[in-house]
N, C-alpha and C. Protein backbone atom coordinates (compact mmCIF):
# COMPACT_ATOMS: atom_id res chain seq x y z
N ASP A 1 0.83 -1.20 0.00
CA ASP A 1 0.00 0.00 0.00
C ASP A 1 0.86 1.26 0.00
N GLY A 2 1.97 1.23 0.74
CA GLY A 2 2.86 2.40 0.79
C GLY A 2 3.41 2.73 -0.59
N LEU A 3 3.76 1.67 -1.34
CA LEU A 3 4.31 1.90 -2.67
C LEU A 3 3.26 2.52 -3.58
N LEU A 4 2.03 2.00 -3.49
CA LEU A 4 0.94 2.53 -4.31
C LEU A 4 0.67 3.99 -3.97
N SER A 5 0.70 4.30 -2.68
CA SER A 5 0.44 5.68 -2.25
C SER A 5 1.51 6.61 -2.82
N SER A 6 2.76 6.18 -2.77
CA SER A 6 3.84 7.02 -3.29
C SER A 6 3.66 7.23 -4.79
N HIS A 7 3.28 6.18 -5.49
CA HIS A 7 3.08 6.29 -6.93
C HIS A 7 1.94 7.26 -7.22
N ASP A 8 0.86 7.16 -6.45
CA ASP A 8 -0.27 8.06 -6.65
C ASP A 8 0.14 9.51 -6.39
N LYS A 9 0.96 9.73 -5.37
CA LYS A 9 1.42 11.09 -5.07
C LYS A 9 2.22 11.65 -6.24
N LEU A 10 3.09 10.82 -6.83
CA LEU A 10 3.87 11.29 -7.96
C LEU A 10 2.96 11.60 -9.14
N LYS A 11 1.94 10.76 -9.32
CA LYS A 11 0.99 10.99 -10.40
C LYS A 11 0.30 12.33 -10.21
N VAL A 12 -0.09 12.63 -8.99
CA VAL A 12 -0.77 13.90 -8.71
C VAL A 12 0.15 15.08 -8.98
N LEU A 13 1.40 14.95 -8.55
CA LEU A 13 2.33 16.07 -8.71
C LEU A 13 2.64 16.35 -10.18
N SER A 14 2.53 15.33 -11.02
CA SER A 14 2.90 15.50 -12.42
C SER A 14 1.69 15.74 -13.31
N ALA A 15 0.51 15.89 -12.71
CA ALA A 15 -0.70 16.09 -13.51
C ALA A 15 -1.42 17.35 -13.07
N PRO A 16 -2.20 17.95 -13.97
CA PRO A 16 -2.99 19.14 -13.62
C PRO A 16 -4.01 18.78 -12.55
N PRO A 17 -4.07 19.52 -11.45
CA PRO A 17 -4.99 19.21 -10.35
C PRO A 17 -6.43 19.08 -10.80
N ALA A 18 -6.90 19.99 -11.64
CA ALA A 18 -8.30 19.95 -12.07
C ALA A 18 -8.58 18.68 -12.87
N GLU A 19 -7.59 18.24 -13.61
CA GLU A 19 -7.78 17.04 -14.43
C GLU A 19 -7.71 15.78 -13.58
N MET A 20 -6.91 15.85 -12.51
CA MET A 20 -6.70 14.66 -11.67
C MET A 20 -7.79 14.50 -10.61
N LEU A 21 -8.50 15.56 -10.29
CA LEU A 21 -9.45 15.51 -9.19
C LEU A 21 -10.46 14.36 -9.32
N PRO A 22 -11.13 14.20 -10.45
CA PRO A 22 -12.08 13.08 -10.57
C PRO A 22 -11.40 11.73 -10.38
N VAL A 23 -10.18 11.61 -10.87
CA VAL A 23 -9.44 10.35 -10.73
C VAL A 23 -9.11 10.11 -9.26
N LEU A 24 -8.69 11.16 -8.57
CA LEU A 24 -8.37 11.02 -7.15
C LEU A 24 -9.59 10.59 -6.36
N LEU A 25 -10.72 11.19 -6.66
CA LEU A 25 -11.95 10.84 -5.95
C LEU A 25 -12.31 9.39 -6.23
N ALA A 26 -12.17 8.97 -7.47
CA ALA A 26 -12.50 7.59 -7.83
C ALA A 26 -11.54 6.62 -7.13
N ASP A 27 -10.24 6.96 -7.13
CA ASP A 27 -9.26 6.10 -6.48
C ASP A 27 -9.53 6.02 -4.99
N SER A 28 -9.86 7.13 -4.37
CA SER A 28 -10.13 7.14 -2.93
C SER A 28 -11.33 6.25 -2.61
N THR A 29 -12.35 6.33 -3.45
CA THR A 29 -13.54 5.51 -3.24
C THR A 29 -13.19 4.03 -3.38
N LYS A 30 -12.41 3.69 -4.40
CA LYS A 30 -12.02 2.30 -4.61
C LYS A 30 -11.22 1.78 -3.43
N VAL A 31 -10.24 2.58 -2.99
CA VAL A 31 -9.38 2.16 -1.89
C VAL A 31 -10.20 1.96 -0.62
N SER A 32 -11.11 2.90 -0.35
CA SER A 32 -11.93 2.80 0.85
C SER A 32 -12.82 1.55 0.77
N PHE A 33 -13.35 1.28 -0.40
CA PHE A 33 -14.22 0.12 -0.58
C PHE A 33 -13.44 -1.17 -0.37
N ILE A 34 -12.23 -1.22 -0.92
CA ILE A 34 -11.40 -2.43 -0.80
C ILE A 34 -10.99 -2.65 0.65
N ARG A 35 -10.64 -1.58 1.35
CA ARG A 35 -10.14 -1.72 2.72
C ARG A 35 -11.25 -2.02 3.72
N SER A 36 -12.48 -1.62 3.40
CA SER A 36 -13.58 -1.81 4.35
C SER A 36 -14.24 -3.18 4.18
């Protein structure tokens, strides 16, 4: 999970925030669903 989080952080830093926002929300929902 730590590796995935680091990769996601790099993805966010290298992408336009407005463009990444929907992806971040979708990823957060998926992660929360998987962990719960």
